[in-house]
């Protein structure tokens, strides 16, 4: 299909699994953070999940450089949000990014350059890898916060958004996928 298709697919999956974890945050825990060290509060981290979406939108709009000029000040005074506010913002920002991606051609994705914290503008494939890494880092940070809070059921199934179905059903799905793969590839050999 192409790089744009693959990026959109990866970006959507990452957004879906991040939202899944955001919904697991207990109400009223905006001020919680790990007990030692310098960390964002849960509310700041939840808000920053929306930033992760907003940053890519700003890159597409050509306005990221303006935010970047005051980025350290922005992060030093990082906003906080309740779970509901953060989820709403995340969804809104994600939808705007997907609109940009849906209106982009493969050629534009591969060749158009944007400002991205570097001296020269960068092509979208370079930006895409960095965006996925940044968004995934904060998803894993949220996952660790939930684990440190001692919440039950925060495991690799929750991380992948696969904890809504009974574990046996998920494992059966994996077994069937492996079986289908083996069948398909043993015929080719």
N, C-alpha and C. Protein backbone atom coordinates (compact mmCIF):
# COMPACT_ATOMS: atom_id res chain seq x y z
N UNK A 1 0.82 -1.21 0.00
CA UNK A 1 0.00 0.00 0.00
C UNK A 1 0.86 1.27 0.00
N UNK A 2 1.93 1.30 0.80
CA UNK A 2 2.80 2.46 0.83
C UNK A 2 3.05 2.96 2.24
N UNK A 3 4.04 3.85 2.35
CA UNK A 3 4.44 4.38 3.65
C UNK A 3 3.33 5.15 4.35
N UNK A 4 2.61 5.96 3.61
CA UNK A 4 1.52 6.74 4.21
C UNK A 4 0.48 5.81 4.82
N UNK A 5 0.07 4.81 4.09
CA UNK A 5 -0.91 3.85 4.61
C UNK A 5 -0.38 3.17 5.87
N UNK A 6 0.86 2.74 5.84
CA UNK A 6 1.44 2.06 7.00
C UNK A 6 1.57 2.99 8.20
N UNK A 7 1.95 4.24 7.94
CA UNK A 7 2.04 5.20 9.05
C UNK A 7 0.66 5.45 9.66
N UNK A 8 -0.35 5.67 8.82
CA UNK A 8 -1.70 5.91 9.34
C UNK A 8 -2.18 4.73 10.18
N UNK A 9 -1.91 3.55 9.71
CA UNK A 9 -2.32 2.33 10.43
C UNK A 9 -1.62 2.25 11.79
N UNK A 10 -0.32 2.49 11.79
CA UNK A 10 0.45 2.46 13.04
C UNK A 10 0.02 3.58 13.98
N UNK A 11 -0.16 4.76 13.43
CA UNK A 11 -0.54 5.93 14.22
C UNK A 11 -1.90 5.73 14.87
N UNK A 12 -2.85 5.16 14.12
CA UNK A 12 -4.19 4.91 14.66
C UNK A 12 -4.14 3.84 15.75
N UNK A 13 -3.40 2.77 15.52
CA UNK A 13 -3.29 1.72 16.53
C UNK A 13 -2.68 2.27 17.82
N UNK A 14 -1.64 3.09 17.68
CA UNK A 14 -1.01 3.69 18.85
C UNK A 14 -1.99 4.61 19.58
N UNK A 15 -2.77 5.38 18.83
CA UNK A 15 -3.77 6.26 19.45
C UNK A 15 -4.84 5.45 20.17
N UNK A 16 -5.31 4.38 19.53
CA UNK A 16 -6.36 3.55 20.14
C UNK A 16 -5.88 2.91 21.45
N UNK A 17 -4.65 2.40 21.45
CA UNK A 17 -4.16 1.74 22.66
C UNK A 17 -3.81 2.76 23.74
N UNK A 18 -3.41 3.96 23.34
CA UNK A 18 -3.16 5.03 24.33
C UNK A 18 -4.47 5.44 24.98
N UNK A 19 -5.51 5.64 24.18
CA UNK A 19 -6.84 5.98 24.73
C UNK A 19 -7.33 4.89 25.67
N UNK A 20 -7.08 3.65 25.30
CA UNK A 20 -7.48 2.53 26.15
C UNK A 20 -6.85 2.66 27.54
N UNK A 21 -5.58 3.00 27.59
CA UNK A 21 -4.92 3.18 28.89
C UNK A 21 -5.40 4.43 29.60
N UNK A 22 -5.65 5.51 28.86
CA UNK A 22 -6.14 6.74 29.48
C UNK A 22 -7.45 6.49 30.22
N UNK A 23 -8.31 5.66 29.64
CA UNK A 23 -9.60 5.35 30.25
C UNK A 23 -9.46 4.56 31.55
N UNK A 24 -8.31 3.95 31.78
CA UNK A 24 -8.09 3.15 32.99
C UNK A 24 -7.65 3.99 34.18
N UNK A 25 -7.33 5.25 33.96
CA UNK A 25 -6.89 6.12 35.05
C UNK A 25 -8.07 6.33 36.00
N UNK A 26 -7.89 6.07 37.29
CA UNK A 26 -8.98 6.31 38.25
C UNK A 26 -9.32 7.80 38.34
N UNK A 27 -10.57 8.07 38.59
CA UNK A 27 -11.03 9.46 38.74
C UNK A 27 -10.29 10.12 39.91
N UNK A 28 -10.04 11.42 39.77
CA UNK A 28 -9.47 12.20 40.86
C UNK A 28 -7.99 11.97 41.12
N UNK A 29 -7.27 11.40 40.18
CA UNK A 29 -5.84 11.11 40.38
C UNK A 29 -4.94 12.06 39.59
N UNK A 30 -5.44 13.25 39.25
CA UNK A 30 -4.67 14.19 38.44
C UNK A 30 -3.36 14.60 39.09
N UNK A 31 -3.31 14.64 40.43
CA UNK A 31 -2.10 15.10 41.13
C UNK A 31 -1.14 13.96 41.44
N UNK A 32 -1.52 12.72 41.15
CA UNK A 32 -0.65 11.57 41.46
C UNK A 32 0.59 11.60 40.56
N UNK A 33 1.72 11.23 41.13
CA UNK A 33 2.95 11.02 40.35
C UNK A 33 3.83 10.07 41.14
N UNK A 34 4.81 9.44 40.51
CA UNK A 34 5.70 8.55 41.25
C UNK A 34 6.30 9.27 42.45
N UNK A 35 6.50 8.56 43.55
CA UNK A 35 6.88 9.20 44.80
C UNK A 35 8.27 9.85 44.82
N UNK A 36 9.20 9.39 44.02
CA UNK A 36 10.54 9.99 44.03
C UNK A 36 10.92 10.40 42.61
N UNK A 37 11.71 11.45 42.53
CA UNK A 37 12.16 11.93 41.23
C UNK A 37 11.27 13.04 40.71
N UNK A 38 11.69 13.61 39.59
CA UNK A 38 10.92 14.69 38.97
C UNK A 38 10.11 14.11 37.82
N UNK A 39 8.81 14.06 38.02
CA UNK A 39 7.91 13.50 37.03
C UNK A 39 6.72 14.43 36.84
N UNK A 40 6.09 14.32 35.67
CA UNK A 40 4.82 14.99 35.46
C UNK A 40 3.79 14.38 36.41
N UNK A 41 2.80 15.14 36.78
CA UNK A 41 1.67 14.55 37.49
C UNK A 41 0.86 13.75 36.48
N UNK A 42 -0.03 12.93 36.96
CA UNK A 42 -0.90 12.16 36.07
C UNK A 42 -1.69 13.10 35.17
N UNK A 43 -2.21 14.20 35.73
CA UNK A 43 -2.97 15.16 34.94
C UNK A 43 -2.14 15.81 33.85
N UNK A 44 -0.88 16.11 34.16
CA UNK A 44 0.01 16.67 33.14
C UNK A 44 0.30 15.64 32.05
N UNK A 45 0.53 14.40 32.46
CA UNK A 45 0.79 13.34 31.49
C UNK A 45 -0.42 13.10 30.60
N UNK A 46 -1.60 13.11 31.20
CA UNK A 46 -2.82 12.94 30.40
C UNK A 46 -2.97 14.07 29.39
N UNK A 47 -2.72 15.30 29.84
CA UNK A 47 -2.79 16.44 28.94
C UNK A 47 -1.75 16.31 27.83
N UNK A 48 -0.56 15.84 28.19
CA UNK A 48 0.53 15.71 27.22
C UNK A 48 0.22 14.66 26.15
N UNK A 49 -0.64 13.71 26.46
CA UNK A 49 -1.04 12.75 25.43
C UNK A 49 -1.71 13.51 24.28
N UNK A 50 -2.49 14.52 24.60
CA UNK A 50 -3.10 15.37 23.57
C UNK A 50 -2.06 16.22 22.87
N UNK A 51 -1.03 16.68 23.62
CA UNK A 51 0.07 17.41 22.99
C UNK A 51 0.72 16.56 21.90
N UNK A 52 0.88 15.28 22.18
CA UNK A 52 1.52 14.38 21.21
C UNK A 52 0.76 14.40 19.89
N UNK A 53 -0.54 14.55 19.95
CA UNK A 53 -1.36 14.66 18.74
C UNK A 53 -1.24 16.07 18.16
N UNK A 54 -1.31 17.06 19.03
CA UNK A 54 -1.27 18.47 18.60
C UNK A 54 0.05 18.79 17.90
N UNK A 55 1.16 18.24 18.37
CA UNK A 55 2.45 18.56 17.77
C UNK A 55 2.48 18.20 16.28
N UNK A 56 1.96 17.02 15.94
CA UNK A 56 1.96 16.62 14.53
C UNK A 56 1.02 17.52 13.73
N UNK A 57 -0.10 17.89 14.31
CA UNK A 57 -1.01 18.81 13.62
C UNK A 57 -0.29 20.13 13.35
N UNK A 58 0.43 20.65 14.32
CA UNK A 58 1.16 21.91 14.16
C UNK A 58 2.27 21.78 13.12
N UNK A 59 2.88 20.62 13.04
CA UNK A 59 3.89 20.39 12.00
C UNK A 59 3.24 20.53 10.63
N UNK A 60 2.09 19.89 10.44
CA UNK A 60 1.38 19.97 9.17
C UNK A 60 0.93 21.40 8.86
N UNK A 61 0.50 22.13 9.88
CA UNK A 61 0.01 23.49 9.69
C UNK A 61 1.15 24.49 9.47
N UNK A 62 2.37 24.08 9.80
CA UNK A 62 3.51 24.98 9.69
C UNK A 62 3.64 25.92 10.87
N UNK A 63 3.01 25.58 12.01
CA UNK A 63 3.05 26.45 13.19
C UNK A 63 3.87 25.86 14.34
N UNK A 64 4.52 24.74 14.10
CA UNK A 64 5.28 24.11 15.18
C UNK A 64 6.46 24.97 15.63
N UNK A 65 7.07 25.68 14.70
CA UNK A 65 8.24 26.49 15.06
C UNK A 65 7.88 27.56 16.08
N UNK A 66 6.68 28.12 15.98
CA UNK A 66 6.25 29.15 16.94
C UNK A 66 6.14 28.57 18.35
N UNK A 67 5.56 27.38 18.46
CA UNK A 67 5.48 26.72 19.77
C UNK A 67 6.88 26.35 20.24
N UNK A 68 7.70 25.89 19.34
CA UNK A 68 9.04 25.44 19.67
C UNK A 68 9.92 26.55 20.24
N UNK A 69 9.69 27.78 19.80
CA UNK A 69 10.49 28.91 20.29
C UNK A 69 10.35 29.08 21.80
N UNK A 70 9.21 28.70 22.35
CA UNK A 70 8.95 28.83 23.78
C UNK A 70 8.68 27.46 24.43
N UNK A 71 9.26 26.41 23.83
CA UNK A 71 8.93 25.05 24.25
C UNK A 71 9.32 24.78 25.71
N UNK A 72 10.50 25.21 26.12
CA UNK A 72 10.94 24.93 27.49
C UNK A 72 10.03 25.63 28.51
N UNK A 73 9.60 26.82 28.19
CA UNK A 73 8.67 27.52 29.07
C UNK A 73 7.33 26.78 29.10
N UNK A 74 6.88 26.33 27.93
CA UNK A 74 5.62 25.58 27.84
C UNK A 74 5.70 24.33 28.73
N UNK A 75 6.80 23.59 28.61
CA UNK A 75 6.94 22.35 29.39
C UNK A 75 7.13 22.64 30.88
N UNK A 76 7.79 23.73 31.22
CA UNK A 76 7.99 24.08 32.64
C UNK A 76 6.67 24.43 33.32
N UNK A 77 5.73 24.91 32.56
CA UNK A 77 4.40 25.27 33.09
C UNK A 77 3.34 24.38 32.46
N UNK A 78 3.65 23.11 32.37
CA UNK A 78 2.79 22.20 31.62
C UNK A 78 1.39 22.12 32.20
N UNK A 79 0.37 22.30 31.35
CA UNK A 79 -1.01 22.20 31.81
C UNK A 79 -1.35 20.79 32.31
N UNK A 80 -2.40 20.72 33.08
CA UNK A 80 -2.92 19.47 33.60
C UNK A 80 -4.38 19.36 33.17
N UNK A 81 -4.90 18.13 33.19
CA UNK A 81 -6.31 17.93 32.82
C UNK A 81 -6.86 16.74 33.58
N UNK A 82 -8.17 16.75 33.75
CA UNK A 82 -8.84 15.57 34.28
C UNK A 82 -8.83 14.50 33.19
N UNK A 83 -9.15 13.29 33.57
CA UNK A 83 -9.20 12.21 32.60
C UNK A 83 -10.17 12.54 31.46
N UNK A 84 -11.36 13.01 31.79
CA UNK A 84 -12.36 13.30 30.76
C UNK A 84 -11.90 14.41 29.83
N UNK A 85 -11.34 15.48 30.40
CA UNK A 85 -10.86 16.59 29.58
C UNK A 85 -9.73 16.13 28.65
N UNK A 86 -8.83 15.32 29.20
CA UNK A 86 -7.69 14.85 28.41
C UNK A 86 -8.13 13.93 27.28
N UNK A 87 -9.06 13.05 27.56
CA UNK A 87 -9.55 12.14 26.52
C UNK A 87 -10.25 12.92 25.41
N UNK A 88 -11.06 13.90 25.79
CA UNK A 88 -11.75 14.74 24.80
C UNK A 88 -10.73 15.47 23.93
N UNK A 89 -9.73 16.07 24.55
CA UNK A 89 -8.71 16.81 23.80
C UNK A 89 -7.92 15.87 22.89
N UNK A 90 -7.53 14.73 23.42
CA UNK A 90 -6.77 13.75 22.64
C UNK A 90 -7.54 13.37 21.38
N UNK A 91 -8.81 13.04 21.55
CA UNK A 91 -9.63 12.63 20.40
C UNK A 91 -9.76 13.75 19.37
N UNK A 92 -9.98 14.98 19.84
CA UNK A 92 -10.12 16.11 18.93
C UNK A 92 -8.83 16.35 18.14
N UNK A 93 -7.69 16.34 18.83
CA UNK A 93 -6.41 16.57 18.16
C UNK A 93 -6.08 15.42 17.21
N UNK A 94 -6.38 14.20 17.62
CA UNK A 94 -6.11 13.04 16.77
C UNK A 94 -6.94 13.11 15.49
N UNK A 95 -8.20 13.49 15.63
CA UNK A 95 -9.08 13.60 14.47
C UNK A 95 -8.53 14.62 13.46
N UNK A 96 -8.01 15.74 13.96
CA UNK A 96 -7.44 16.76 13.07
C UNK A 96 -6.22 16.22 12.33
N UNK A 97 -5.36 15.47 13.03
CA UNK A 97 -4.19 14.88 12.39
C UNK A 97 -4.62 13.90 11.32
N UNK A 98 -5.61 13.06 11.62
CA UNK A 98 -6.07 12.08 10.65
C UNK A 98 -6.65 12.75 9.41
N UNK A 99 -7.29 13.92 9.58
CA UNK A 99 -7.80 14.66 8.43
C UNK A 99 -6.64 15.08 7.52
N UNK A 100 -5.57 15.58 8.12
CA UNK A 100 -4.39 15.95 7.33
C UNK A 100 -3.84 14.73 6.59
N UNK A 101 -3.72 13.63 7.31
CA UNK A 101 -3.17 12.41 6.70
C UNK A 101 -4.09 11.87 5.60
N UNK A 102 -5.40 11.94 5.83
CA UNK A 102 -6.35 11.45 4.83
C UNK A 102 -6.31 12.28 3.54
N UNK A 103 -5.92 13.53 3.66
CA UNK A 103 -5.87 14.42 2.49
C UNK A 103 -4.48 14.47 1.85
N UNK A 104 -3.55 13.70 2.37
CA UNK A 104 -2.19 13.69 1.87
C UNK A 104 -2.01 12.55 0.88
N UNK A 105 -1.24 12.79 -0.15
CA UNK A 105 -0.92 11.73 -1.10
C UNK A 105 0.36 11.03 -0.67
N UNK A 106 0.59 9.86 -1.22
CA UNK A 106 1.83 9.13 -0.94
C UNK A 106 3.04 9.97 -1.34
N UNK A 107 2.95 10.63 -2.48
CA UNK A 107 4.06 11.46 -2.95
C UNK A 107 4.35 12.60 -1.97
N UNK A 108 3.29 13.25 -1.49
CA UNK A 108 3.47 14.32 -0.50
C UNK A 108 4.11 13.77 0.77
N UNK A 109 3.62 12.62 1.23
CA UNK A 109 4.14 12.01 2.45
C UNK A 109 5.64 11.74 2.31
N UNK A 110 6.04 11.25 1.17
CA UNK A 110 7.44 10.88 0.97
C UNK A 110 8.34 12.09 0.71
N UNK A 111 7.80 13.16 0.15
CA UNK A 111 8.66 14.24 -0.34
C UNK A 111 8.50 15.59 0.33
N UNK A 112 7.32 15.91 0.84
CA UNK A 112 7.12 17.23 1.43
C UNK A 112 7.92 17.34 2.73
N UNK A 113 8.49 18.51 2.96
CA UNK A 113 9.32 18.72 4.14
C UNK A 113 8.67 19.72 5.08
N UNK A 114 8.90 19.50 6.37
CA UNK A 114 8.29 20.33 7.41
C UNK A 114 9.34 20.68 8.46
N UNK A 115 9.06 21.78 9.19
CA UNK A 115 9.91 22.14 10.32
C UNK A 115 9.78 21.06 11.39
N UNK A 116 10.94 20.62 11.92
CA UNK A 116 10.92 19.56 12.94
C UNK A 116 12.14 19.65 13.86
N UNK A 117 12.28 20.72 14.60
CA UNK A 117 13.35 20.88 15.58
C UNK A 117 14.75 20.70 15.01
N UNK A 118 14.91 20.84 13.74
CA UNK A 118 16.21 20.66 13.11
C UNK A 118 16.54 21.90 12.29
N UNK A 119 17.79 22.04 11.87
CA UNK A 119 18.20 23.22 11.10
C UNK A 119 17.47 23.26 9.77
N UNK A 120 17.38 22.12 9.11
CA UNK A 120 16.67 22.04 7.84
C UNK A 120 15.32 21.37 8.05
N UNK A 121 14.36 21.72 7.20
CA UNK A 121 13.08 21.01 7.24
C UNK A 121 13.33 19.55 6.91
N UNK A 122 12.47 18.68 7.43
CA UNK A 122 12.67 17.23 7.28
C UNK A 122 11.51 16.60 6.50
N UNK A 123 11.80 15.52 5.76
CA UNK A 123 10.71 14.81 5.06
C UNK A 123 9.83 14.06 6.05
N UNK A 124 8.59 13.88 5.65
CA UNK A 124 7.61 13.25 6.53
C UNK A 124 8.02 11.86 7.03
N UNK A 125 8.65 10.98 6.24
CA UNK A 125 9.04 9.68 6.81
C UNK A 125 9.95 9.82 8.04
N UNK A 126 10.88 10.76 8.00
CA UNK A 126 11.74 11.00 9.16
C UNK A 126 10.91 11.47 10.35
N UNK A 127 10.02 12.40 10.10
CA UNK A 127 9.15 12.92 11.16
C UNK A 127 8.25 11.81 11.70
N UNK A 128 7.72 10.98 10.80
CA UNK A 128 6.81 9.90 11.21
C UNK A 128 7.46 8.96 12.21
N UNK A 129 8.69 8.54 11.94
CA UNK A 129 9.39 7.66 12.89
C UNK A 129 9.55 8.33 14.25
N UNK A 130 9.90 9.61 14.24
CA UNK A 130 10.08 10.35 15.49
C UNK A 130 8.77 10.55 16.24
N UNK A 131 7.70 10.81 15.51
CA UNK A 131 6.39 11.00 16.14
C UNK A 131 5.93 9.70 16.81
N UNK A 132 6.10 8.58 16.12
CA UNK A 132 5.71 7.29 16.71
C UNK A 132 6.52 7.04 17.98
N UNK A 133 7.82 7.29 17.92
CA UNK A 133 8.68 7.06 19.09
C UNK A 133 8.25 7.95 20.26
N UNK A 134 7.97 9.22 19.99
CA UNK A 134 7.56 10.15 21.05
C UNK A 134 6.22 9.73 21.65
N UNK A 135 5.25 9.44 20.81
CA UNK A 135 3.93 9.05 21.30
C UNK A 135 4.00 7.74 22.08
N UNK A 136 4.76 6.77 21.58
CA UNK A 136 4.89 5.48 22.27
C UNK A 136 5.58 5.65 23.61
N UNK A 137 6.58 6.53 23.69
CA UNK A 137 7.27 6.75 24.97
C UNK A 137 6.30 7.22 26.04
N UNK A 138 5.41 8.14 25.67
CA UNK A 138 4.45 8.64 26.66
C UNK A 138 3.34 7.63 26.94
N UNK A 139 3.01 6.79 25.97
CA UNK A 139 2.06 5.71 26.23
C UNK A 139 2.66 4.76 27.27
N UNK A 140 3.93 4.40 27.10
CA UNK A 140 4.58 3.49 28.06
C UNK A 140 4.74 4.17 29.42
N UNK A 141 4.96 5.48 29.43
CA UNK A 141 5.03 6.21 30.70
C UNK A 141 3.69 6.10 31.42
N UNK A 142 2.60 6.27 30.69
CA UNK A 142 1.27 6.13 31.29
C UNK A 142 1.06 4.71 31.81
N UNK A 143 1.47 3.73 31.03
CA UNK A 143 1.38 2.33 31.44
C UNK A 143 2.12 2.12 32.77
N UNK A 144 3.33 2.66 32.88
CA UNK A 144 4.10 2.50 34.12
C UNK A 144 3.44 3.23 35.29
N UNK A 145 2.88 4.40 35.05
CA UNK A 145 2.16 5.11 36.10
C UNK A 145 1.02 4.22 36.62
N UNK A 146 0.27 3.61 35.72
CA UNK A 146 -0.85 2.76 36.12
C UNK A 146 -0.35 1.56 36.91
N UNK A 147 0.78 0.99 36.49
CA UNK A 147 1.35 -0.14 37.23
C UNK A 147 1.82 0.30 38.62
N UNK A 148 2.48 1.46 38.69
CA UNK A 148 2.97 1.96 39.97
C UNK A 148 1.82 2.30 40.92
N UNK A 149 0.67 2.62 40.38
CA UNK A 149 -0.50 2.89 41.21
C UNK A 149 -1.06 1.60 41.81
N UNK A 150 -0.59 0.46 41.30
CA UNK A 150 -1.04 -0.82 41.83
C UNK A 150 -2.39 -1.25 41.32
N UNK A 151 -2.81 -0.73 40.17
CA UNK A 151 -4.11 -1.11 39.63
C UNK A 151 -4.09 -2.55 39.14
N UNK A 152 -5.14 -3.29 39.36
CA UNK A 152 -5.18 -4.68 38.87
C UNK A 152 -5.34 -4.73 37.36
N UNK A 153 -4.80 -5.77 36.76
CA UNK A 153 -4.99 -6.02 35.34
C UNK A 153 -4.18 -5.14 34.41
N UNK A 154 -3.21 -4.42 34.93
CA UNK A 154 -2.37 -3.60 34.07
C UNK A 154 -1.18 -4.47 33.66
N UNK A 155 -1.32 -5.10 32.49
CA UNK A 155 -0.30 -6.03 32.00
C UNK A 155 -0.17 -5.84 30.49
N UNK A 156 0.56 -6.72 29.84
CA UNK A 156 0.79 -6.55 28.40
C UNK A 156 -0.52 -6.64 27.60
N UNK A 157 -1.52 -7.31 28.11
CA UNK A 157 -2.81 -7.33 27.42
C UNK A 157 -3.45 -5.94 27.48
N UNK A 158 -3.36 -5.28 28.62
CA UNK A 158 -3.88 -3.91 28.75
C UNK A 158 -3.07 -2.95 27.87
N UNK A 159 -1.77 -3.14 27.83
CA UNK A 159 -0.89 -2.29 27.03
C UNK A 159 -1.29 -2.34 25.56
N UNK A 160 -1.66 -3.52 25.09
CA UNK A 160 -2.07 -3.68 23.69
C UNK A 160 -3.55 -3.47 23.46
N UNK A 161 -4.30 -3.11 24.52
CA UNK A 161 -5.74 -2.89 24.37
C UNK A 161 -6.52 -4.18 24.18
N UNK A 162 -5.92 -5.29 24.60
CA UNK A 162 -6.54 -6.60 24.37
C UNK A 162 -7.15 -7.20 25.63
N UNK A 163 -7.34 -6.39 26.64
CA UNK A 163 -7.85 -6.92 27.90
C UNK A 163 -9.36 -6.79 28.05
N UNK A 164 -10.05 -6.39 26.99
CA UNK A 164 -11.51 -6.28 27.07
C UNK A 164 -12.17 -7.63 26.84
N UNK A 165 -11.49 -8.52 26.13
CA UNK A 165 -12.01 -9.87 25.91
C UNK A 165 -11.37 -10.81 26.93
N UNK A 166 -12.02 -11.91 27.25
CA UNK A 166 -11.39 -12.87 28.17
C UNK A 166 -10.03 -13.32 27.62
N UNK A 167 -9.08 -13.50 28.52
CA UNK A 167 -7.71 -13.86 28.14
C UNK A 167 -7.68 -15.10 27.26
N UNK A 168 -8.51 -16.07 27.57
CA UNK A 168 -8.53 -17.30 26.78
C UNK A 168 -8.92 -17.01 25.33
N UNK A 169 -9.85 -16.09 25.16
CA UNK A 169 -10.30 -15.72 23.81
C UNK A 169 -9.16 -15.03 23.04
N UNK A 170 -8.42 -14.17 23.71
CA UNK A 170 -7.30 -13.49 23.06
C UNK A 170 -6.23 -14.50 22.69
N UNK A 171 -5.92 -15.42 23.60
CA UNK A 171 -4.91 -16.44 23.31
C UNK A 171 -5.35 -17.35 22.16
N UNK A 172 -6.64 -17.64 22.11
CA UNK A 172 -7.18 -18.46 21.01
C UNK A 172 -7.04 -17.70 19.69
N UNK A 173 -7.29 -16.40 19.71
CA UNK A 173 -7.14 -15.58 18.50
C UNK A 173 -5.70 -15.64 18.00
N UNK A 174 -4.75 -15.50 18.94
CA UNK A 174 -3.33 -15.60 18.56
C UNK A 174 -3.00 -16.97 17.99
N UNK A 175 -3.51 -18.01 18.60
CA UNK A 175 -3.23 -19.37 18.13
C UNK A 175 -3.77 -19.55 16.70
N UNK A 176 -4.97 -19.05 16.45
CA UNK A 176 -5.55 -19.15 15.11
C UNK A 176 -4.73 -18.34 14.10
N UNK A 177 -4.26 -17.20 14.49
CA UNK A 177 -3.44 -16.37 13.59
C UNK A 177 -2.15 -17.09 13.25
N UNK A 178 -1.51 -17.70 14.25
CA UNK A 178 -0.28 -18.45 14.00
C UNK A 178 -0.54 -19.64 13.09
N UNK A 179 -1.64 -20.32 13.31
CA UNK A 179 -2.00 -21.47 12.50
C UNK A 179 -2.23 -21.05 11.04
N UNK A 180 -2.96 -19.95 10.85
CA UNK A 180 -3.23 -19.46 9.49
C UNK A 180 -1.93 -19.03 8.81
N UNK A 181 -1.05 -18.41 9.56
CA UNK A 181 0.24 -17.99 9.00
C UNK A 181 1.05 -19.20 8.56
N UNK A 182 1.13 -20.18 9.44
CA UNK A 182 1.89 -21.40 9.11
C UNK A 182 1.30 -22.10 7.88
N UNK A 183 -0.01 -22.16 7.82
CA UNK A 183 -0.67 -22.82 6.69
C UNK A 183 -0.36 -22.06 5.39
N UNK A 184 -0.48 -20.75 5.43
CA UNK A 184 -0.23 -19.94 4.25
C UNK A 184 1.22 -20.05 3.77
N UNK A 185 2.13 -20.04 4.70
CA UNK A 185 3.55 -20.02 4.33
C UNK A 185 4.11 -21.42 4.08
N UNK A 186 3.48 -22.44 4.59
CA UNK A 186 3.96 -23.80 4.30
C UNK A 186 3.57 -24.22 2.90
N UNK A 187 2.50 -23.66 2.37
CA UNK A 187 2.06 -23.93 1.01
C UNK A 187 3.05 -23.32 0.03
N UNK A 188 3.56 -22.13 0.34
CA UNK A 188 4.51 -21.43 -0.52
C UNK A 188 5.87 -22.14 -0.57
N UNK A 189 6.23 -22.82 0.49
CA UNK A 189 7.56 -23.44 0.57
C UNK A 189 7.62 -24.67 -0.22
